[in-house]
């Protein structure tokens, strides 16, 4: 069981996130997955003592880790009704539900039908209640190919610097339909690993939205427009740390500013000298339409940075100079539900959701 759980962590998340989960569960991981596997393969008793807490943490991460979230308005009077309908859903009889919150291993993944969405759990906590859906998706990944794989390797090295291959790799994703206790918005959270295309994300959202309607959980149509939060975060330099912005200027220029991760000192893009100096030369303010905000946190030995990304396709909509629409937010680097709830709360304030409902 020990190695199975560690394999699930490795499949589900990067080492930094897995290490944080283990530390919060009371474990002391080694340096990297391999060293940690080796350590606890020889000390299963210690691992087993913290196994329950680690599995609970894995469930939390499934609910909130790396999600593209859309919010749908729900009448306050219907919130309890929606929660009862979610609670009454029947979990499917399937392998994914049997092993949840553990994941399929490589052999099991290859045996699954791609694209089939199955209800595997109903989760409740102090924040709300939700339905967890599992699906296997074939993700296109890039892999380096060794020159020695080819009979004419010497000639190929002279012509090419590297050889890259593309292949479809099955991955298990967990999507969540969530009704909070304290917010009148139904959330559809789509698992969003790196490499998943925007069209695939929105397509999956559409499927889950229709499931919500077909199961009569709620009647939902258009998600809430989150674009007001872009300006809100940009203007409020006390809220988080802006690591990336894209904006247009009155001179029709499009600019993209991003913090270098290797920088010794963090520079908030709201305060970075280059865009500030450029703004002084313009008659009008810049129009930010993409933004990434981070909130660096440190707890005991764990360090993590919950983040929120909002992106419109352009600085203005199709109809004149109207603001564009942003239908969802990419919420990443959340280790626990508390981290996700913190980000959603900040989004609600800056998007003025209480004024939109």
Protein backbone atom coordinates (compact mmCIF):
# COMPACT_ATOMS: atom_id res chain seq x y z
CA UNK A 1 0.00 0.00 0.00
CA UNK A 2 2.89 2.35 0.82
CA UNK A 3 4.39 2.26 -2.67
CA UNK A 4 0.92 2.43 -4.26
CA UNK A 5 0.19 5.71 -2.47
CA UNK A 6 3.59 7.15 -3.37
CA UNK A 7 3.06 6.14 -7.01
CA UNK A 8 -0.29 7.96 -6.96
CA UNK A 9 1.35 11.11 -5.61
CA UNK A 10 3.98 10.92 -8.34
CA UNK A 11 1.33 10.50 -11.03
CA UNK A 12 -0.87 13.25 -9.64
CA UNK A 13 1.56 16.08 -8.89
CA UNK A 14 5.07 17.47 -9.01
CA UNK A 15 7.55 16.53 -6.31
CA UNK A 16 7.27 19.88 -4.48
CA UNK A 17 3.51 19.46 -4.01
CA UNK A 18 3.87 15.81 -2.99
CA UNK A 19 6.55 16.72 -0.48
CA UNK A 20 4.30 19.40 1.04
CA UNK A 21 1.43 16.91 1.38
CA UNK A 22 3.68 14.42 3.11
CA UNK A 23 5.13 17.01 5.48
CA UNK A 24 1.62 18.19 6.41
CA UNK A 25 0.67 14.57 7.09
CA UNK A 26 3.57 14.27 9.54
CA UNK A 27 6.02 12.39 7.30
CA UNK A 28 9.61 13.30 6.50
CA UNK A 29 10.19 12.57 2.80
CA UNK A 30 13.58 11.97 1.26
CA UNK A 31 15.08 13.97 -1.59
CA UNK A 32 12.82 13.23 -4.51
CA UNK A 33 10.34 10.45 -5.24
CA UNK A 34 12.94 7.69 -5.64
CA UNK A 35 14.67 8.37 -2.32
CA UNK A 36 11.30 8.63 -0.57
CA UNK A 37 10.13 5.32 -2.03
CA UNK A 38 13.35 3.69 -0.92
CA UNK A 39 13.06 5.18 2.58
CA UNK A 40 9.50 4.05 3.29
CA UNK A 41 9.77 0.72 1.51
CA UNK A 42 12.08 -0.15 4.40
CA UNK A 43 9.92 1.57 7.03
CA UNK A 44 6.28 0.81 6.20
CA UNK A 45 5.30 0.97 9.87
CA UNK A 46 6.08 4.70 10.10
CA UNK A 47 4.34 5.38 6.78
CA UNK A 48 1.25 3.40 7.81
CA UNK A 49 0.89 5.48 10.98
CA UNK A 50 0.33 8.57 8.80
CA UNK A 51 -1.40 6.83 5.89
CA UNK A 52 -4.95 7.93 6.76
CA UNK A 53 -4.02 11.60 7.00
CA UNK A 54 -2.08 11.41 3.75
CA UNK A 55 -5.05 9.83 1.94
CA UNK A 56 -7.31 12.60 3.28
CA UNK A 57 -4.81 15.15 1.95
CA UNK A 58 -4.83 13.40 -1.43
CA UNK A 59 -8.63 13.72 -1.52
CA UNK A 60 -8.33 17.43 -0.80
CA UNK A 61 -5.83 17.80 -3.61
CA UNK A 62 -8.14 15.95 -6.00
CA UNK A 63 -10.86 18.47 -5.12
CA UNK A 64 -8.74 21.58 -5.61
CA UNK A 65 -5.36 20.89 -7.22
CA UNK A 66 -4.81 22.40 -10.68
CA UNK A 67 -8.40 23.28 -11.66
CA UNK A 68 -9.93 25.49 -14.33
CA UNK A 69 -13.05 26.70 -12.55
CA UNK A 70 -16.24 28.24 -13.87
CA UNK A 71 -18.81 29.75 -11.52
CA UNK A 72 -22.54 29.59 -12.17
CA UNK A 73 -25.03 31.76 -10.23
CA UNK A 74 -27.44 29.89 -7.96
CA UNK A 75 -30.37 31.45 -6.16
CA UNK A 76 -29.59 31.61 -2.43
CA UNK A 77 -32.88 29.85 -1.72
CA UNK A 78 -31.86 26.93 -3.95
CA UNK A 79 -28.43 26.32 -2.48
CA UNK A 80 -29.58 23.73 0.06
CA UNK A 81 -31.67 22.01 -2.61
CA UNK A 82 -28.65 21.74 -4.90
CA UNK A 83 -26.56 20.29 -2.07
CA UNK A 84 -29.20 17.67 -1.28
CA UNK A 85 -29.39 16.66 -4.93
CA UNK A 86 -25.61 16.23 -5.09
CA UNK A 87 -25.68 14.18 -1.88
CA UNK A 88 -28.38 11.91 -3.38
CA UNK A 89 -26.33 11.01 -6.47
CA UNK A 90 -25.30 7.35 -6.79
CA UNK A 91 -21.63 6.58 -7.26
CA UNK A 92 -21.00 4.42 -10.32
CA UNK A 93 -19.96 0.79 -9.91
CA UNK A 94 -16.55 0.98 -11.57
CA UNK A 95 -12.88 0.34 -10.91
CA UNK A 96 -12.13 4.05 -10.47
CA UNK A 97 -14.68 4.30 -7.65
CA UNK A 98 -13.35 1.14 -5.96
CA UNK A 99 -9.79 2.46 -5.66
CA UNK A 100 -10.56 6.17 -5.10
CA UNK A 101 -8.71 8.28 -3.97
CA UNK A 102 -5.94 6.13 -5.39
CA UNK A 103 -5.28 6.31 -9.13
CA UNK A 104 -5.01 3.75 -11.89
CA UNK A 105 -1.55 2.32 -12.41
CA UNK A 106 -0.04 2.32 -15.92
CA UNK A 107 -1.48 -1.08 -16.80
CA UNK A 108 -4.96 -0.14 -15.60
CA UNK A 109 -4.79 3.19 -17.44
CA UNK A 110 -4.17 1.46 -20.75
CA UNK A 111 -7.23 -0.74 -20.19
CA UNK A 112 -9.63 2.20 -19.68
CA UNK A 113 -11.89 3.72 -22.32
CA UNK A 114 -10.72 7.23 -23.09
CA UNK A 115 -13.25 10.01 -22.48
CA UNK A 116 -15.75 8.08 -20.37
CA UNK A 117 -16.77 10.14 -17.32
CA UNK A 118 -17.72 8.22 -14.15
CA UNK A 119 -19.00 9.48 -10.80
CA UNK A 120 -16.57 8.03 -8.24
CA UNK A 121 -17.27 9.88 -4.97
CA UNK A 122 -19.40 12.39 -3.10
CA UNK A 123 -17.19 14.57 -0.92
CA UNK A 124 -18.29 16.77 1.98
CA UNK A 125 -16.28 19.13 4.14
CA UNK A 126 -16.70 22.38 6.05
CA UNK A 127 -16.66 24.34 2.78
CA UNK A 128 -19.36 22.48 0.84
CA UNK A 129 -20.33 19.29 -0.95
CA UNK A 130 -19.36 18.01 -4.37
CA UNK A 131 -19.48 15.20 -6.88
CA UNK A 132 -16.12 13.85 -8.08
CA UNK A 133 -15.91 12.49 -11.62
CA UNK A 134 -13.04 10.41 -13.00
CA UNK A 135 -12.06 10.14 -16.63
CA UNK A 136 -9.06 8.91 -18.59
CA UNK A 137 -7.79 11.34 -21.19
CA UNK A 138 -5.08 10.81 -23.77
CA UNK A 139 -2.75 13.75 -23.44
CA UNK A 140 -0.28 14.58 -26.19
CA UNK A 141 3.21 14.73 -24.70
CA UNK A 142 6.66 15.51 -26.10
CA UNK A 143 9.57 13.18 -25.48
CA UNK A 144 13.24 13.34 -26.42
CA UNK A 145 14.37 10.49 -28.66
CA UNK A 146 17.94 9.28 -28.43
CA UNK A 147 19.90 9.44 -31.69
CA UNK A 148 21.17 5.92 -31.01
CA UNK A 149 17.66 4.64 -31.65
CA UNK A 150 18.34 5.13 -35.36
CA UNK A 151 20.75 3.15 -37.57
CA UNK A 152 22.15 6.35 -39.15
CA UNK A 153 22.65 8.12 -35.82
CA UNK A 154 25.97 9.71 -36.85
CA UNK A 155 24.53 11.38 -39.94
CA UNK A 156 21.44 12.50 -38.04
CA UNK A 157 23.55 14.20 -35.36
CA UNK A 158 25.16 16.29 -38.05
CA UNK A 159 21.80 17.45 -39.36
CA UNK A 160 19.72 17.76 -36.19
CA UNK A 161 20.35 19.17 -32.71
CA UNK A 162 17.65 17.00 -31.15
CA UNK A 163 14.83 14.65 -32.07
CA UNK A 164 11.44 15.13 -30.47
CA UNK A 165 8.62 12.61 -30.60
CA UNK A 166 4.95 13.23 -29.91
CA UNK A 167 2.79 10.53 -28.38
CA UNK A 168 -0.53 10.16 -26.64
CA UNK A 169 -0.19 9.26 -22.97
CA UNK A 170 -3.29 8.28 -20.96
CA UNK A 171 -3.75 10.27 -17.75
CA UNK A 172 -6.48 10.04 -15.12
CA UNK A 173 -8.29 13.30 -14.44
CA UNK A 174 -10.73 14.24 -11.68
CA UNK A 175 -13.42 16.85 -12.35
CA UNK A 176 -15.60 18.26 -9.58
CA UNK A 177 -19.09 19.74 -9.41
CA UNK A 178 -19.09 21.68 -6.14
CA UNK A 179 -21.78 23.55 -4.21
CA UNK A 180 -20.28 25.67 -1.40
CA UNK A 181 -22.00 26.29 1.92
CA UNK A 182 -21.31 30.01 1.92
CA UNK A 183 -21.33 31.16 -1.72
CA UNK A 184 -24.30 31.26 -4.14
CA UNK A 185 -22.27 29.93 -7.05
CA UNK A 186 -22.10 26.37 -8.30
CA UNK A 187 -18.54 25.53 -9.31
CA UNK A 188 -17.44 23.20 -12.11
CA UNK A 189 -13.77 22.46 -11.62
CA UNK A 190 -11.97 20.79 -14.51
CA UNK A 191 -8.68 19.01 -13.85
CA UNK A 192 -6.13 20.97 -15.84
CA UNK A 193 -2.69 19.35 -16.21
CA UNK A 194 -0.02 21.03 -18.30
CA UNK A 195 -0.54 20.24 -21.97
CA UNK A 196 -4.33 20.16 -21.91
CA UNK A 197 -5.55 22.45 -24.69
CA UNK A 198 -7.97 25.31 -24.08
CA UNK A 199 -10.57 23.81 -26.43
CA UNK A 200 -10.42 20.52 -24.52
CA UNK A 201 -10.90 22.31 -21.20
CA UNK A 202 -13.95 24.24 -22.37
CA UNK A 203 -15.31 21.14 -24.11
CA UNK A 204 -15.14 19.16 -20.87
CA UNK A 205 -16.82 22.03 -19.04
CA UNK A 206 -19.70 21.86 -21.51
CA UNK A 207 -20.08 18.12 -20.90
CA UNK A 208 -20.18 18.58 -17.11
CA UNK A 209 -22.59 21.50 -17.41
CA UNK A 210 -24.99 19.36 -19.43
CA UNK A 211 -24.65 16.57 -16.85
CA UNK A 212 -25.62 19.02 -14.11
CA UNK A 213 -28.69 19.99 -16.13
CA UNK A 214 -29.60 16.44 -17.19
CA UNK A 215 -29.30 15.11 -13.62
CA UNK A 216 -31.47 18.06 -12.53
CA UNK A 217 -28.92 19.12 -9.94
CA UNK A 218 -29.50 22.70 -11.05
CA UNK A 219 -30.42 24.67 -14.14
CA UNK A 220 -27.26 26.46 -15.24
CA UNK A 221 -26.48 28.27 -18.48
CA UNK A 222 -23.79 30.95 -18.75
CA UNK A 223 -20.93 31.17 -16.25
CA UNK A 224 -20.24 34.40 -14.38
CA UNK A 225 -18.00 36.88 -16.23
CA UNK A 226 -14.78 37.17 -14.22
CA UNK A 227 -13.19 39.94 -16.28
CA UNK A 228 -13.79 42.66 -13.62
CA UNK A 229 -11.28 40.81 -11.41
CA UNK A 230 -8.46 41.57 -13.88
CA UNK A 231 -8.75 45.29 -13.25
CA UNK A 232 -9.41 44.66 -9.57
CA UNK A 233 -6.20 42.70 -9.03
CA UNK A 234 -4.19 45.08 -11.19
CA UNK A 235 -5.26 48.15 -9.26
CA UNK A 236 -5.00 46.60 -5.78
CA UNK A 237 -1.29 46.22 -5.16
CA UNK A 238 -1.94 44.91 -1.65
CA UNK A 239 -3.60 41.73 -2.96
CA UNK A 240 -1.11 39.01 -3.79
CA UNK A 241 1.90 39.20 -6.06
CA UNK A 242 1.38 39.74 -9.80
CA UNK A 243 3.88 37.59 -11.68
CA UNK A 244 2.50 38.07 -15.20
CA UNK A 245 0.40 40.56 -17.15
CA UNK A 246 -0.58 41.10 -20.76
CA UNK A 247 -1.95 44.48 -21.77
CA UNK A 248 -2.68 46.79 -24.67
CA UNK A 249 -1.89 50.49 -24.93
CA UNK A 250 -3.57 53.45 -26.57
CA UNK A 251 -0.90 53.13 -29.30
CA UNK A 252 -2.35 49.68 -30.19
CA UNK A 253 0.68 47.85 -28.86
CA UNK A 254 0.33 44.52 -27.03
CA UNK A 255 2.83 43.96 -24.21
CA UNK A 256 3.54 40.87 -22.15
CA UNK A 257 5.47 41.10 -18.90
CA UNK A 258 6.49 38.05 -16.86
CA UNK A 259 8.61 37.61 -13.77
CA UNK A 260 11.74 35.54 -14.30
CA UNK A 261 11.67 32.59 -11.91
CA UNK A 262 15.46 32.64 -11.56
CA UNK A 263 15.38 36.20 -10.30
CA UNK A 264 16.93 36.62 -6.87
CA UNK A 265 14.39 39.26 -5.88
CA UNK A 266 10.71 39.09 -6.77
CA UNK A 267 9.33 42.02 -8.72
CA UNK A 268 5.57 42.58 -8.69
CA UNK A 269 4.57 43.47 -12.26
CA UNK A 270 2.33 46.20 -10.87
CA UNK A 271 5.47 47.88 -9.55
CA UNK A 272 8.04 46.88 -12.17
CA UNK A 273 9.94 49.90 -13.56
CA UNK A 274 9.48 49.18 -17.28
CA UNK A 275 5.65 49.20 -17.52
CA UNK A 276 5.41 52.06 -15.00
CA UNK A 277 7.77 54.21 -17.08
CA UNK A 278 5.89 53.30 -20.26
CA UNK A 279 2.54 54.28 -18.72
CA UNK A 280 3.89 57.76 -17.95
CA UNK A 281 4.34 58.38 -21.70
CA UNK A 282 0.71 57.51 -22.55
CA UNK A 283 -2.36 59.72 -22.50
CA UNK A 284 -4.52 56.82 -21.30
CA UNK A 285 -4.00 53.94 -18.91
CA UNK A 286 -3.04 50.50 -20.19
CA UNK A 287 -5.77 47.86 -20.66
CA UNK A 288 -4.76 44.67 -18.85
CA UNK A 289 -6.56 41.59 -20.14
CA UNK A 290 -4.44 38.73 -18.78
CA UNK A 291 -3.06 38.47 -15.27
CA UNK A 292 -1.52 35.89 -12.92
CA UNK A 293 -1.58 36.52 -9.19
CA UNK A 294 0.31 34.48 -6.58
CA UNK A 295 0.12 34.38 -2.80
CA UNK A 296 3.39 32.95 -1.42
CA UNK A 297 2.81 30.96 1.78
CA UNK A 298 4.99 29.13 4.25
CA UNK A 299 3.77 26.71 6.88
CA UNK A 300 6.16 24.68 9.02
CA UNK A 301 8.53 23.15 6.44
CA UNK A 302 6.14 23.55 3.52
CA UNK A 303 6.41 26.39 1.02
CA UNK A 304 3.82 26.88 -1.71
CA UNK A 305 2.25 29.58 -3.87
CA UNK A 306 -1.48 29.33 -4.62
CA UNK A 307 -2.07 31.16 -7.86
CA UNK A 308 -4.88 32.48 -10.04
CA UNK A 309 -4.71 33.15 -13.79
CA UNK A 310 -7.35 35.08 -15.72
CA UNK A 311 -7.11 35.47 -19.48
CA UNK A 312 -9.31 37.13 -22.08
CA UNK A 313 -8.58 36.51 -25.75
CA UNK A 314 -8.16 40.24 -26.46
CA UNK A 315 -8.30 43.62 -24.70
CA UNK A 316 -11.78 44.39 -26.01
CA UNK A 317 -14.83 42.48 -27.15
CA UNK A 318 -16.25 42.19 -30.63
CA UNK A 319 -18.79 44.96 -30.07
CA UNK A 320 -16.92 48.23 -30.06
CA UNK A 321 -14.86 48.92 -26.95
CA UNK A 322 -16.83 46.76 -24.55
CA UNK A 323 -14.89 44.71 -22.07
CA UNK A 324 -14.24 41.10 -23.03
CA UNK A 325 -15.60 38.15 -21.11
CA UNK A 326 -13.62 35.68 -19.01
CA UNK A 327 -15.64 32.55 -18.29
CA UNK A 328 -13.25 30.74 -15.97
CA UNK A 329 -10.16 30.95 -13.79
CA UNK A 330 -7.11 28.69 -13.67
CA UNK A 331 -6.37 28.01 -10.00
CA UNK A 332 -3.07 26.24 -9.38
CA UNK A 333 -0.59 25.27 -6.66
CA UNK A 334 -3.27 24.74 -4.01
CA UNK A 335 -2.17 22.02 -1.61
CA UNK A 336 -5.31 21.94 0.53
CA UNK A 337 -8.92 23.02 0.28
CA UNK A 338 -8.10 25.99 2.50
CA UNK A 339 -5.69 27.30 -0.15
CA UNK A 340 -8.29 26.98 -2.89
CA UNK A 341 -10.96 28.66 -0.75
CA UNK A 342 -8.57 31.53 -0.06
CA UNK A 343 -8.01 32.10 -3.79
CA UNK A 344 -11.73 31.86 -4.59
CA UNK A 345 -12.46 34.39 -1.84
CA UNK A 346 -9.94 36.84 -3.31
CA UNK A 347 -11.43 36.28 -6.78
CA UNK A 348 -14.90 36.98 -5.43
CA UNK A 349 -13.80 40.28 -3.90
CA UNK A 350 -11.95 41.54 -6.97
CA UNK A 351 -14.64 40.35 -9.42
CA UNK A 352 -17.29 41.96 -7.20
CA UNK A 353 -19.37 38.80 -7.35
CA UNK A 354 -21.76 40.08 -4.71
CA UNK A 355 -22.70 42.83 -7.18
CA UNK A 356 -23.13 40.45 -10.13
CA UNK A 357 -25.51 37.99 -8.45
